[in-house]
Amino acid sequence: MSNLKDRYKTEIVKKMKQEFAFNSDFEVPKVEKVTINVGAGKALDSPEIIKTITAEIAAISGQKPRTNKAKKSVSGFKLREGQIIGVSVTLRGKRMYDFIERLVNVVLPRVRDFRGLALSGFDGQANYSIGLREQTVFPEIKPEQTKEAYGLQINITTSKSDKRQTKRLLELLGFPFAKGEK
């Protein structure tokens, strides 16, 4: 695989400066961080699931994730304050670019019935979110060794709040958006 970070610094910045008439490289939007979140509601019954999820997210991201604990008790969900309810990891720098490259070139093509990313994934600050139904689309996870499938959320935080510029940046990074959406 080519180095995405080097490609960003050379080709992508140059194209973005031409398309949007930026005067400086600093005006070009950039990806600041990638956050991977897993909600582990099923882990309330079995703490063994949290260990499995933590190990799998560490394999996917190349970094040890942190556990998220409940801030309040909610009796309707059988949730007590301080219980572990999820796992998250934040990627920056080289690991972030390596993860984006694997996501675009390996993971998304392995998603069943994939027809492109929806534009509804952008928030008001032009950050992009992708939800995956199961972790087995990552090549680091062996489906036959997985006991339980769980979904995960990938959030891409950018430096600009202009949706059009951010969408173009993600397209140049290789994100396959659905055809026909504006």
N, C-alpha and C. Protein backbone atom coordinates (compact mmCIF):
# COMPACT_ATOMS: atom_id res chain seq x y z
N MET A 1 0.85 -1.20 0.00
CA MET A 1 0.00 0.00 0.00
C MET A 1 0.88 1.25 0.00
N SER A 2 0.44 2.24 -0.73
CA SER A 2 1.17 3.51 -0.72
C SER A 2 0.90 4.25 0.58
N ASN A 3 1.77 5.16 0.91
CA ASN A 3 1.62 5.89 2.16
C ASN A 3 0.62 7.03 1.96
N LEU A 4 -0.52 6.92 2.59
CA LEU A 4 -1.60 7.89 2.43
C LEU A 4 -1.22 9.27 2.96
N LYS A 5 -0.44 9.31 4.03
CA LYS A 5 -0.04 10.58 4.61
C LYS A 5 0.85 11.37 3.64
N ASP A 6 1.76 10.69 2.97
CA ASP A 6 2.62 11.35 1.98
C ASP A 6 1.80 11.82 0.79
N ARG A 7 0.83 10.97 0.36
CA ARG A 7 -0.04 11.35 -0.76
C ARG A 7 -0.88 12.56 -0.41
N TYR A 8 -1.32 12.65 0.87
CA TYR A 8 -2.10 13.81 1.31
C TYR A 8 -1.26 15.07 1.17
N LYS A 9 -0.02 15.01 1.66
CA LYS A 9 0.85 16.19 1.66
C LYS A 9 1.19 16.67 0.26
N THR A 10 1.22 15.77 -0.70
CA THR A 10 1.62 16.16 -2.05
C THR A 10 0.41 16.34 -2.97
N GLU A 11 -0.19 15.26 -3.39
CA GLU A 11 -1.26 15.30 -4.39
C GLU A 11 -2.55 15.95 -3.89
N ILE A 12 -3.03 15.52 -2.75
CA ILE A 12 -4.36 15.93 -2.28
C ILE A 12 -4.39 17.41 -1.94
N VAL A 13 -3.36 17.91 -1.26
CA VAL A 13 -3.31 19.33 -0.92
C VAL A 13 -3.27 20.17 -2.20
N LYS A 14 -2.50 19.72 -3.18
CA LYS A 14 -2.39 20.45 -4.45
C LYS A 14 -3.75 20.50 -5.18
N LYS A 15 -4.45 19.36 -5.25
CA LYS A 15 -5.76 19.33 -5.91
C LYS A 15 -6.78 20.19 -5.19
N MET A 16 -6.78 20.12 -3.85
CA MET A 16 -7.74 20.91 -3.07
C MET A 16 -7.47 22.41 -3.23
N LYS A 17 -6.20 22.81 -3.27
CA LYS A 17 -5.86 24.23 -3.46
C LYS A 17 -6.36 24.73 -4.81
N GLN A 18 -6.25 23.90 -5.85
CA GLN A 18 -6.72 24.28 -7.18
C GLN A 18 -8.24 24.36 -7.23
N GLU A 19 -8.92 23.35 -6.70
CA GLU A 19 -10.38 23.28 -6.79
C GLU A 19 -11.09 24.37 -5.99
N PHE A 20 -10.57 24.69 -4.81
CA PHE A 20 -11.25 25.64 -3.94
C PHE A 20 -10.54 26.99 -3.84
N ALA A 21 -9.53 27.20 -4.67
CA ALA A 21 -8.77 28.46 -4.73
C ALA A 21 -8.22 28.87 -3.36
N PHE A 22 -7.65 27.91 -2.66
CA PHE A 22 -7.01 28.21 -1.39
C PHE A 22 -5.66 28.87 -1.68
N ASN A 23 -5.28 29.84 -0.85
CA ASN A 23 -4.00 30.52 -1.03
C ASN A 23 -2.86 29.80 -0.31
N SER A 24 -3.19 29.05 0.73
CA SER A 24 -2.18 28.42 1.57
C SER A 24 -2.52 26.96 1.81
N ASP A 25 -1.48 26.17 2.09
CA ASP A 25 -1.69 24.76 2.44
C ASP A 25 -2.50 24.63 3.73
N PHE A 26 -2.42 25.63 4.60
CA PHE A 26 -3.10 25.57 5.89
C PHE A 26 -4.62 25.74 5.77
N GLU A 27 -5.07 26.25 4.64
CA GLU A 27 -6.52 26.40 4.42
C GLU A 27 -7.17 25.09 4.02
N VAL A 28 -6.38 24.15 3.52
CA VAL A 28 -6.89 22.86 3.06
C VAL A 28 -7.35 22.05 4.27
N PRO A 29 -8.58 21.50 4.22
CA PRO A 29 -9.04 20.68 5.36
C PRO A 29 -8.19 19.43 5.50
N LYS A 30 -8.09 18.95 6.73
CA LYS A 30 -7.34 17.73 6.98
C LYS A 30 -8.09 16.89 8.01
N VAL A 31 -7.78 15.62 8.01
CA VAL A 31 -8.36 14.71 8.99
C VAL A 31 -7.55 14.86 10.27
N GLU A 32 -8.21 15.21 11.37
CA GLU A 32 -7.52 15.41 12.64
C GLU A 32 -7.42 14.14 13.46
N LYS A 33 -8.53 13.36 13.47
CA LYS A 33 -8.51 12.11 14.24
C LYS A 33 -9.60 11.18 13.74
N VAL A 34 -9.42 9.91 14.06
CA VAL A 34 -10.42 8.88 13.78
C VAL A 34 -10.72 8.19 15.10
N THR A 35 -12.00 8.12 15.45
CA THR A 35 -12.42 7.49 16.70
C THR A 35 -13.25 6.25 16.38
N ILE A 36 -12.93 5.15 17.04
CA ILE A 36 -13.67 3.90 16.87
C ILE A 36 -14.37 3.62 18.20
N ASN A 37 -15.70 3.45 18.15
CA ASN A 37 -16.50 3.21 19.36
C ASN A 37 -17.27 1.90 19.22
N VAL A 38 -17.37 1.18 20.32
CA VAL A 38 -18.20 -0.02 20.37
C VAL A 38 -19.03 0.06 21.64
N GLY A 39 -20.35 0.01 21.48
CA GLY A 39 -21.24 -0.07 22.64
C GLY A 39 -21.41 -1.53 23.00
N ALA A 40 -21.19 -1.85 24.25
CA ALA A 40 -21.21 -3.25 24.66
C ALA A 40 -22.33 -3.49 25.66
N GLY A 41 -23.56 -3.31 25.24
CA GLY A 41 -24.70 -3.53 26.12
C GLY A 41 -24.81 -4.97 26.59
N LYS A 42 -24.39 -5.91 25.74
CA LYS A 42 -24.46 -7.32 26.10
C LYS A 42 -23.42 -7.68 27.16
N ALA A 43 -22.44 -6.81 27.34
CA ALA A 43 -21.36 -7.09 28.30
C ALA A 43 -21.82 -6.98 29.74
N LEU A 44 -23.00 -6.41 29.97
CA LEU A 44 -23.51 -6.31 31.34
C LEU A 44 -23.72 -7.69 31.93
N ASP A 45 -24.10 -8.65 31.09
CA ASP A 45 -24.31 -10.02 31.55
C ASP A 45 -23.01 -10.79 31.69
N SER A 46 -22.04 -10.51 30.80
CA SER A 46 -20.81 -11.28 30.78
C SER A 46 -19.60 -10.37 30.62
N PRO A 47 -18.77 -10.22 31.65
CA PRO A 47 -17.58 -9.37 31.54
C PRO A 47 -16.53 -9.95 30.58
N GLU A 48 -16.68 -11.21 30.24
CA GLU A 48 -15.77 -11.85 29.28
C GLU A 48 -15.89 -11.20 27.90
N ILE A 49 -17.07 -10.70 27.56
CA ILE A 49 -17.30 -10.06 26.27
C ILE A 49 -16.45 -8.79 26.15
N ILE A 50 -16.32 -8.02 27.23
CA ILE A 50 -15.51 -6.79 27.20
C ILE A 50 -14.06 -7.11 26.87
N LYS A 51 -13.53 -8.20 27.44
CA LYS A 51 -12.15 -8.59 27.16
C LYS A 51 -11.98 -8.94 25.68
N THR A 52 -12.96 -9.65 25.13
CA THR A 52 -12.92 -10.02 23.72
C THR A 52 -12.99 -8.79 22.83
N ILE A 53 -13.93 -7.89 23.12
CA ILE A 53 -14.08 -6.67 22.33
C ILE A 53 -12.81 -5.82 22.40
N THR A 54 -12.25 -5.68 23.59
CA THR A 54 -11.02 -4.90 23.76
C THR A 54 -9.88 -5.48 22.94
N ALA A 55 -9.73 -6.79 22.96
CA ALA A 55 -8.67 -7.44 22.19
C ALA A 55 -8.88 -7.26 20.69
N GLU A 56 -10.13 -7.38 20.23
CA GLU A 56 -10.41 -7.24 18.80
C GLU A 56 -10.23 -5.80 18.32
N ILE A 57 -10.65 -4.82 19.11
CA ILE A 57 -10.48 -3.41 18.74
C ILE A 57 -8.99 -3.05 18.74
N ALA A 58 -8.23 -3.62 19.66
CA ALA A 58 -6.78 -3.41 19.68
C ALA A 58 -6.14 -3.96 18.41
N ALA A 59 -6.61 -5.13 17.95
CA ALA A 59 -6.09 -5.73 16.71
C ALA A 59 -6.46 -4.88 15.50
N ILE A 60 -7.69 -4.37 15.48
CA ILE A 60 -8.16 -3.56 14.36
C ILE A 60 -7.41 -2.23 14.28
N SER A 61 -7.23 -1.58 15.42
CA SER A 61 -6.68 -0.23 15.43
C SER A 61 -5.16 -0.18 15.61
N GLY A 62 -4.57 -1.22 16.18
CA GLY A 62 -3.15 -1.19 16.47
C GLY A 62 -2.82 -0.39 17.71
N GLN A 63 -3.82 -0.15 18.53
CA GLN A 63 -3.66 0.67 19.73
C GLN A 63 -4.59 0.14 20.80
N LYS A 64 -4.16 0.20 22.06
CA LYS A 64 -5.00 -0.30 23.15
C LYS A 64 -6.18 0.64 23.38
N PRO A 65 -7.41 0.11 23.34
CA PRO A 65 -8.59 0.97 23.56
C PRO A 65 -8.84 1.21 25.04
N ARG A 66 -9.65 2.23 25.30
CA ARG A 66 -10.04 2.50 26.68
C ARG A 66 -11.47 2.03 26.88
N THR A 67 -11.80 1.68 28.12
CA THR A 67 -13.17 1.25 28.42
C THR A 67 -13.97 2.46 28.87
N ASN A 68 -15.24 2.49 28.51
CA ASN A 68 -16.14 3.57 28.88
C ASN A 68 -17.10 3.06 29.95
N LYS A 69 -17.26 3.84 30.99
CA LYS A 69 -18.11 3.42 32.11
C LYS A 69 -19.37 4.28 32.16
N ALA A 70 -20.43 3.70 32.69
CA ALA A 70 -21.70 4.41 32.83
C ALA A 70 -21.56 5.53 33.85
N LYS A 71 -22.08 6.71 33.51
CA LYS A 71 -22.00 7.85 34.42
C LYS A 71 -23.17 7.88 35.39
N LYS A 72 -24.29 7.27 34.98
CA LYS A 72 -25.49 7.25 35.82
C LYS A 72 -26.05 5.84 35.87
N SER A 73 -26.80 5.57 36.91
CA SER A 73 -27.54 4.31 37.00
C SER A 73 -28.88 4.47 36.31
N VAL A 74 -29.27 3.47 35.50
CA VAL A 74 -30.56 3.48 34.81
C VAL A 74 -31.19 2.12 35.05
N SER A 75 -32.22 2.10 35.90
CA SER A 75 -32.81 0.81 36.27
C SER A 75 -33.50 0.12 35.10
N GLY A 76 -34.06 0.87 34.18
CA GLY A 76 -34.73 0.29 33.01
C GLY A 76 -33.79 -0.53 32.14
N PHE A 77 -32.50 -0.17 32.14
CA PHE A 77 -31.50 -0.90 31.36
C PHE A 77 -30.65 -1.82 32.22
N LYS A 78 -31.03 -1.96 33.51
CA LYS A 78 -30.26 -2.76 34.47
C LYS A 78 -28.80 -2.30 34.49
N LEU A 79 -28.62 -0.99 34.54
CA LEU A 79 -27.31 -0.38 34.45
C LEU A 79 -26.98 0.35 35.75
N ARG A 80 -25.80 0.06 36.28
CA ARG A 80 -25.35 0.74 37.50
C ARG A 80 -24.20 1.67 37.16
N GLU A 81 -24.11 2.74 37.92
CA GLU A 81 -23.02 3.71 37.73
C GLU A 81 -21.68 3.00 37.88
N GLY A 82 -20.77 3.26 36.93
CA GLY A 82 -19.44 2.66 36.98
C GLY A 82 -19.28 1.37 36.20
N GLN A 83 -20.38 0.80 35.71
CA GLN A 83 -20.29 -0.42 34.91
C GLN A 83 -19.69 -0.10 33.54
N ILE A 84 -18.91 -1.01 33.01
CA ILE A 84 -18.32 -0.84 31.69
C ILE A 84 -19.39 -1.07 30.63
N ILE A 85 -19.60 -0.08 29.77
CA ILE A 85 -20.65 -0.17 28.76
C ILE A 85 -20.13 -0.02 27.34
N GLY A 86 -18.83 0.18 27.17
CA GLY A 86 -18.30 0.33 25.83
C GLY A 86 -16.79 0.43 25.81
N VAL A 87 -16.27 0.46 24.59
CA VAL A 87 -14.83 0.53 24.36
C VAL A 87 -14.61 1.55 23.25
N SER A 88 -13.58 2.38 23.37
CA SER A 88 -13.28 3.33 22.30
C SER A 88 -11.78 3.53 22.17
N VAL A 89 -11.37 3.96 20.99
CA VAL A 89 -9.97 4.25 20.72
C VAL A 89 -9.92 5.44 19.77
N THR A 90 -8.96 6.34 19.99
CA THR A 90 -8.77 7.51 19.14
C THR A 90 -7.43 7.38 18.45
N LEU A 91 -7.45 7.48 17.12
CA LEU A 91 -6.23 7.35 16.32
C LEU A 91 -5.84 8.71 15.74
N ARG A 92 -4.56 9.00 15.79
CA ARG A 92 -4.01 10.23 15.20
C ARG A 92 -2.71 9.87 14.47
N GLY A 93 -2.27 10.77 13.61
CA GLY A 93 -0.97 10.60 12.96
C GLY A 93 -0.90 9.41 12.03
N LYS A 94 0.23 8.70 12.06
CA LYS A 94 0.47 7.59 11.13
C LYS A 94 -0.56 6.48 11.29
N ARG A 95 -0.90 6.11 12.53
CA ARG A 95 -1.89 5.05 12.74
C ARG A 95 -3.24 5.42 12.13
N MET A 96 -3.60 6.70 12.22
CA MET A 96 -4.87 7.17 11.66
C MET A 96 -4.86 6.99 10.13
N TYR A 97 -3.79 7.44 9.48
CA TYR A 97 -3.73 7.32 8.02
C TYR A 97 -3.67 5.85 7.59
N ASP A 98 -2.95 5.01 8.34
CA ASP A 98 -2.91 3.59 8.02
C ASP A 98 -4.30 2.96 8.16
N PHE A 99 -5.03 3.35 9.21
CA PHE A 99 -6.38 2.82 9.42
C PHE A 99 -7.31 3.27 8.29
N ILE A 100 -7.25 4.54 7.89
CA ILE A 100 -8.10 5.05 6.81
C ILE A 100 -7.81 4.29 5.53
N GLU A 101 -6.54 4.06 5.24
CA GLU A 101 -6.18 3.34 4.02
C GLU A 101 -6.72 1.91 4.03
N ARG A 102 -6.62 1.22 5.17
CA ARG A 102 -7.18 -0.14 5.27
C ARG A 102 -8.69 -0.12 5.19
N LEU A 103 -9.32 0.88 5.82
CA LEU A 103 -10.78 1.00 5.80
C LEU A 103 -11.29 1.13 4.37
N VAL A 104 -10.66 2.01 3.61
CA VAL A 104 -11.11 2.30 2.25
C VAL A 104 -10.79 1.16 1.27
N ASN A 105 -9.58 0.60 1.37
CA ASN A 105 -9.13 -0.37 0.37
C ASN A 105 -9.44 -1.82 0.71
N VAL A 106 -9.63 -2.15 2.00
CA VAL A 106 -9.83 -3.54 2.38
C VAL A 106 -11.19 -3.77 3.02
N VAL A 107 -11.55 -2.96 4.00
CA VAL A 107 -12.74 -3.22 4.81
C VAL A 107 -14.03 -2.91 4.05
N LEU A 108 -14.18 -1.71 3.52
CA LEU A 108 -15.44 -1.35 2.86
C LEU A 108 -15.77 -2.26 1.67
N PRO A 109 -14.80 -2.69 0.86
CA PRO A 109 -15.15 -3.64 -0.20
C PRO A 109 -15.64 -4.99 0.32
N ARG A 110 -15.33 -5.34 1.57
CA ARG A 110 -15.76 -6.61 2.15
C ARG A 110 -17.15 -6.54 2.78
N VAL A 111 -17.72 -5.34 2.87
CA VAL A 111 -19.05 -5.18 3.47
C VAL A 111 -20.09 -5.74 2.50
N ARG A 112 -20.98 -6.57 3.02
CA ARG A 112 -22.01 -7.20 2.21
C ARG A 112 -23.00 -6.15 1.68
N ASP A 113 -23.37 -6.25 0.43
CA ASP A 113 -24.33 -5.36 -0.24
C ASP A 113 -23.92 -3.89 -0.13
N PHE A 114 -22.64 -3.60 -0.24
CA PHE A 114 -22.14 -2.23 -0.12
C PHE A 114 -22.34 -1.50 -1.44
N ARG A 115 -23.02 -0.36 -1.36
CA ARG A 115 -23.28 0.44 -2.56
C ARG A 115 -22.75 1.87 -2.42
N GLY A 116 -21.84 2.06 -1.52
CA GLY A 116 -21.25 3.38 -1.29
C GLY A 116 -21.69 3.95 0.04
N LEU A 117 -20.94 4.94 0.50
CA LEU A 117 -21.23 5.59 1.77
C LEU A 117 -22.29 6.66 1.59
N ALA A 118 -23.20 6.76 2.53
CA ALA A 118 -24.28 7.74 2.45
C ALA A 118 -23.79 9.12 2.90
N LEU A 119 -24.29 10.15 2.27
CA LEU A 119 -23.94 11.52 2.66
C LEU A 119 -24.60 11.94 3.96
N SER A 120 -25.56 11.17 4.42
CA SER A 120 -26.22 11.48 5.69
C SER A 120 -25.29 11.27 6.88
N GLY A 121 -24.10 10.73 6.64
CA GLY A 121 -23.14 10.50 7.71
C GLY A 121 -22.43 11.77 8.18
N PHE A 122 -22.62 12.88 7.47
CA PHE A 122 -22.00 14.14 7.88
C PHE A 122 -22.82 14.79 8.99
N ASP A 123 -22.12 15.37 9.97
CA ASP A 123 -22.82 16.11 11.02
C ASP A 123 -22.74 17.61 10.70
N GLY A 124 -23.19 18.44 11.61
CA GLY A 124 -23.20 19.89 11.39
C GLY A 124 -21.82 20.51 11.31
N GLN A 125 -20.80 19.83 11.81
CA GLN A 125 -19.43 20.35 11.77
C GLN A 125 -18.63 19.73 10.63
N ALA A 126 -19.28 19.02 9.73
CA ALA A 126 -18.67 18.36 8.57
C ALA A 126 -17.73 17.24 8.97
N ASN A 127 -17.99 16.61 10.10
CA ASN A 127 -17.29 15.38 10.47
C ASN A 127 -18.12 14.24 9.91
N TYR A 128 -17.49 13.09 9.67
CA TYR A 128 -18.19 11.99 9.02
C TYR A 128 -18.21 10.76 9.92
N SER A 129 -19.36 10.08 9.96
CA SER A 129 -19.53 8.87 10.77
C SER A 129 -19.94 7.70 9.89
N ILE A 130 -19.34 6.56 10.17
CA ILE A 130 -19.65 5.32 9.45
C ILE A 130 -20.02 4.28 10.49
N GLY A 131 -21.13 3.61 10.30
CA GLY A 131 -21.53 2.52 11.19
C GLY A 131 -21.36 1.19 10.48
N LEU A 132 -20.70 0.25 11.11
CA LEU A 132 -20.53 -1.09 10.56
C LEU A 132 -21.30 -2.07 11.44
N ARG A 133 -22.01 -2.98 10.83
CA ARG A 133 -22.86 -3.92 11.56
C ARG A 133 -22.08 -5.00 12.30
N GLU A 134 -20.92 -5.36 11.77
CA GLU A 134 -20.14 -6.39 12.44
C GLU A 134 -18.65 -6.17 12.23
N GLN A 135 -17.86 -6.66 13.19
CA GLN A 135 -16.43 -6.45 13.18
C GLN A 135 -15.69 -7.41 12.26
N THR A 136 -16.36 -8.43 11.77
CA THR A 136 -15.69 -9.47 10.98
C THR A 136 -15.28 -9.00 9.58
N VAL A 137 -15.68 -7.79 9.17
CA VAL A 137 -15.23 -7.28 7.87
C VAL A 137 -13.77 -6.85 7.91
N PHE A 138 -13.21 -6.71 9.10
CA PHE A 138 -11.79 -6.38 9.22
C PHE A 138 -10.97 -7.65 9.06
N PRO A 139 -9.89 -7.61 8.27
CA PRO A 139 -9.11 -8.83 8.04
C PRO A 139 -8.39 -9.34 9.29
N GLU A 140 -8.22 -8.50 10.31
CA GLU A 140 -7.56 -8.92 11.54
C GLU A 140 -8.44 -9.85 12.37
N ILE A 141 -9.74 -9.85 12.11
CA ILE A 141 -10.69 -10.66 12.88
C ILE A 141 -11.04 -11.91 12.08
N LYS A 142 -10.84 -13.04 12.68
CA LYS A 142 -11.19 -14.32 12.04
C LYS A 142 -12.63 -14.67 12.40
N PRO A 143 -13.54 -14.73 11.42
CA PRO A 143 -14.95 -15.00 11.71
C PRO A 143 -15.20 -16.31 12.45
N GLU A 144 -14.40 -17.33 12.17
CA GLU A 144 -14.62 -18.63 12.82
C GLU A 144 -14.20 -18.61 14.29
N GLN A 145 -13.36 -17.65 14.69
CA GLN A 145 -12.94 -17.54 16.09
C GLN A 145 -13.80 -16.57 16.88
N THR A 146 -14.67 -15.84 16.20
CA THR A 146 -15.51 -14.84 16.84
C THR A 146 -16.74 -15.50 17.45
N LYS A 147 -16.97 -15.24 18.73
CA LYS A 147 -18.13 -15.82 19.41
C LYS A 147 -19.38 -14.99 19.17
N GLU A 148 -19.21 -13.68 19.11
CA GLU A 148 -20.35 -12.78 19.03
C GLU A 148 -20.05 -11.63 18.06
N ALA A 149 -21.01 -11.30 17.21
CA ALA A 149 -20.85 -10.15 16.31
C ALA A 149 -21.38 -8.90 17.00
N TYR A 150 -20.71 -7.80 16.81
CA TYR A 150 -21.16 -6.53 17.36
C TYR A 150 -20.86 -5.43 16.34
N GLY A 151 -21.60 -4.35 16.43
CA GLY A 151 -21.40 -3.23 15.53
C GLY A 151 -20.39 -2.25 16.10
N LEU A 152 -19.84 -1.45 15.20
CA LEU A 152 -18.93 -0.42 15.66
C LEU A 152 -19.13 0.86 14.86
N GLN A 153 -18.78 1.97 15.48
CA GLN A 153 -18.96 3.29 14.91
C GLN A 153 -17.59 3.89 14.65
N ILE A 154 -17.38 4.40 13.45
CA ILE A 154 -16.12 5.05 13.10
C ILE A 154 -16.43 6.51 12.81
N ASN A 155 -15.81 7.42 13.56
CA ASN A 155 -16.02 8.86 13.39
C ASN A 155 -14.74 9.49 12.87
N ILE A 156 -14.85 10.24 11.78
CA ILE A 156 -13.71 10.93 11.19
C ILE A 156 -13.88 12.41 11.45
N THR A 157 -13.00 12.98 12.26
CA THR A 157 -13.06 14.39 12.64
C THR A 157 -12.12 15.18 11.75
N THR A 158 -12.64 16.24 11.15
CA THR A 158 -11.86 17.06 10.23
C THR A 158 -11.67 18.48 10.77
N SER A 159 -10.79 19.22 10.11
CA SER A 159 -10.46 20.57 10.57
C SER A 159 -11.39 21.65 10.02
N LYS A 160 -12.22 21.33 9.05
CA LYS A 160 -13.13 22.31 8.45
C LYS A 160 -14.57 21.99 8.79
N SER A 161 -15.42 23.01 8.75
CA SER A 161 -16.84 22.78 8.99
C SER A 161 -17.65 22.96 7.70
N ASP A 162 -16.99 22.99 6.55
CA ASP A 162 -17.66 23.07 5.26
C ASP A 162 -17.83 21.66 4.71
N LYS A 163 -19.08 21.22 4.61
CA LYS A 163 -19.38 19.84 4.19
C LYS A 163 -18.87 19.55 2.79
N ARG A 164 -18.97 20.50 1.89
CA ARG A 164 -18.55 20.29 0.49
C ARG A 164 -17.03 20.06 0.41
N GLN A 165 -16.27 20.86 1.14
CA GLN A 165 -14.81 20.71 1.14
C GLN A 165 -14.40 19.40 1.81
N THR A 166 -15.05 19.07 2.91
CA THR A 166 -14.73 17.83 3.62
C THR A 166 -15.08 16.61 2.77
N LYS A 167 -16.21 16.65 2.09
CA LYS A 167 -16.60 15.53 1.21
C LYS A 167 -15.56 15.33 0.12
N ARG A 168 -15.09 16.42 -0.46
CA ARG A 168 -14.08 16.32 -1.52
C ARG A 168 -12.78 15.75 -0.97
N LEU A 169 -12.39 16.17 0.24
CA LEU A 169 -11.19 15.63 0.87
C LEU A 169 -11.31 14.12 1.05
N LEU A 170 -12.46 13.68 1.57
CA LEU A 170 -12.65 12.25 1.79
C LEU A 170 -12.68 11.48 0.46
N GLU A 171 -13.24 12.08 -0.59
CA GLU A 171 -13.22 11.44 -1.92
C GLU A 171 -11.78 11.28 -2.40
N LEU A 172 -10.96 12.30 -2.21
CA LEU A 172 -9.57 12.22 -2.63
C LEU A 172 -8.78 11.21 -1.79
N LEU A 173 -9.20 11.00 -0.55
CA LEU A 173 -8.58 9.98 0.29
C LEU A 173 -9.03 8.58 -0.10
N GLY A 174 -10.07 8.49 -0.95
CA GLY A 174 -10.52 7.20 -1.46
C GLY A 174 -11.86 6.73 -0.94
N PHE A 175 -12.58 7.53 -0.16
CA PHE A 175 -13.87 7.10 0.37
C PHE A 175 -14.88 6.99 -0.77
N PRO A 176 -15.53 5.82 -0.90
CA PRO A 176 -16.49 5.60 -1.99
C PRO A 176 -17.91 6.04 -1.60
N PHE A 177 -18.28 7.26 -1.96
CA PHE A 177 -19.63 7.74 -1.65
C PHE A 177 -20.61 7.17 -2.67
N ALA A 178 -21.86 7.01 -2.24
CA ALA A 178 -22.90 6.45 -3.10
C ALA A 178 -23.15 7.35 -4.29
N LYS A 179 -23.37 6.76 -5.42
CA LYS A 179 -23.63 7.51 -6.65
C LYS A 179 -25.03 8.11 -6.59
N GLY A 180 -25.18 9.30 -7.15
CA GLY A 180 -26.49 9.92 -7.24
C GLY A 180 -26.84 10.80 -6.06
N GLU A 181 -26.03 10.77 -4.99
CA GLU A 181 -26.31 11.63 -3.83
C GLU A 181 -25.52 12.92 -3.98
N LYS A 182 -26.11 14.01 -3.49
CA LYS A 182 -25.42 15.30 -3.57
C LYS A 182 -25.09 15.82 -2.21
